[in-house]
Amino acid sequence: SEISEDAPSGTVVALLHVQDWDSGANGEVRCSLDGDVPFRLEKSFEDYYRVVTSRELDREEVSEYNVTVRAADGGSPSLRSSAVVALRVLDVNDN
């Protein structure tokens, strides 16, 4: 995916659907982002999440992000999975 470096905070960069077929606590999924990235996760509807910008981006500082999304269910032991969202920051003439 690509995002312009002048995209305002709160811009949606990815939509995710997480699913666990178990019932009860075993089927409840928690998601998080790894590392210090300028993005955050927002739950949008039931099992859907969106990755949004949490601050301004600067392509001259970082031109690409590999954002790792981790999911874990409520079972014991907890089952875990992860996915990487690759984002390329597009340049805007800031002069």
Protein backbone atom coordinates (compact mmCIF):
# COMPACT_ATOMS: atom_id res chain seq x y z
CA SER A 1 0.00 0.00 0.00
CA GLU A 2 1.01 3.61 -0.45
CA ILE A 3 0.28 6.72 1.59
CA SER A 4 1.18 10.33 0.94
CA GLU A 5 3.50 11.93 3.49
CA ASP A 6 1.02 14.82 3.87
CA ALA A 7 -1.87 12.53 4.88
CA PRO A 8 -3.51 13.92 8.03
CA SER A 9 -3.47 12.05 11.32
CA GLY A 10 -6.32 9.51 11.40
CA THR A 11 -6.01 8.53 7.72
CA VAL A 12 -6.99 4.89 7.20
CA VAL A 13 -4.16 2.89 5.57
CA ALA A 14 -5.47 -0.68 5.96
CA LEU A 15 -8.62 -2.59 6.89
CA LEU A 16 -8.28 -5.91 8.70
CA HIS A 17 -10.69 -8.71 9.47
CA VAL A 18 -9.77 -11.06 12.32
CA GLN A 19 -11.68 -14.23 12.99
CA ASP A 20 -11.62 -17.09 15.49
CA TRP A 21 -14.26 -19.79 15.20
CA ASP A 22 -14.08 -20.76 18.90
CA SER A 23 -16.87 -19.73 21.24
CA GLY A 24 -16.69 -17.73 24.46
CA ALA A 25 -13.38 -16.34 25.69
CA ASN A 26 -11.47 -18.70 23.37
CA GLY A 27 -12.99 -16.88 20.39
CA GLU A 28 -12.23 -13.34 21.58
CA VAL A 29 -9.33 -11.87 19.62
CA ARG A 30 -7.09 -9.00 20.74
CA CYS A 31 -4.97 -7.16 18.18
CA SER A 32 -1.93 -4.94 18.60
CA LEU A 33 0.82 -3.31 16.56
CA ASP A 34 4.50 -4.06 17.13
CA GLY A 35 7.11 -1.39 17.66
CA ASP A 36 7.17 2.37 17.64
CA VAL A 37 5.36 3.17 14.41
CA PRO A 38 3.27 6.24 13.51
CA PHE A 39 0.12 4.11 13.26
CA ARG A 40 -2.53 2.80 15.63
CA LEU A 41 -5.27 0.18 15.51
CA GLU A 42 -8.93 1.13 15.84
CA LYS A 43 -11.71 -1.40 16.17
CA SER A 44 -14.30 -0.43 13.59
CA PHE A 45 -17.00 -3.12 13.77
CA GLU A 46 -17.08 -6.53 15.48
CA ASP A 47 -14.07 -8.40 14.03
CA TYR A 48 -12.87 -5.52 11.84
CA TYR A 49 -9.97 -3.22 12.60
CA ARG A 50 -8.41 -0.35 10.73
CA VAL A 51 -4.82 0.80 10.78
CA VAL A 52 -4.72 4.60 10.86
CA THR A 53 -1.96 7.19 11.01
CA SER A 54 -1.31 8.50 14.51
CA ARG A 55 1.00 11.38 13.52
CA GLU A 56 2.43 13.08 10.46
CA LEU A 57 4.75 11.11 8.20
CA ASP A 58 8.04 12.32 6.73
CA ARG A 59 9.24 10.39 3.69
CA GLU A 60 12.72 11.90 3.97
CA GLU A 61 12.97 10.40 7.46
CA VAL A 62 11.33 6.98 6.76
CA SER A 63 10.24 5.97 3.26
CA GLU A 64 8.74 2.54 4.06
CA TYR A 65 7.12 0.86 7.03
CA ASN A 66 6.59 -2.83 7.66
CA VAL A 67 3.82 -2.74 10.26
CA THR A 68 3.40 -6.01 12.16
CA VAL A 69 -0.12 -6.69 13.40
CA ARG A 70 -0.38 -9.35 16.11
CA ALA A 71 -3.56 -11.20 17.05
CA ALA A 72 -4.09 -13.43 20.09
CA ASP A 73 -7.20 -15.26 21.24
CA GLY A 74 -8.49 -15.61 24.80
CA GLY A 75 -7.78 -19.34 25.06
CA SER A 76 -5.37 -21.02 27.43
CA PRO A 77 -2.82 -21.34 26.03
CA SER A 78 -3.46 -18.37 23.81
CA LEU A 79 -3.16 -18.95 20.06
CA ARG A 80 -1.32 -16.20 18.22
CA SER A 81 -0.88 -15.06 14.66
CA SER A 82 0.70 -12.09 12.93
CA ALA A 83 0.69 -10.35 9.58
CA VAL A 84 2.87 -7.64 8.07
CA VAL A 85 1.39 -4.63 6.29
CA ALA A 86 3.94 -3.00 3.98
CA LEU A 87 3.42 0.75 3.51
CA ARG A 88 5.39 2.99 1.17
CA VAL A 89 5.39 6.72 1.94
CA LEU A 90 4.95 8.88 -1.16
CA ASP A 91 6.90 12.11 -1.47
CA VAL A 92 5.25 15.51 -1.51
CA ASN A 93 7.22 18.60 -2.49
CA ASP A 94 7.69 20.33 0.86
CA ASN A 95 9.69 23.28 -0.45
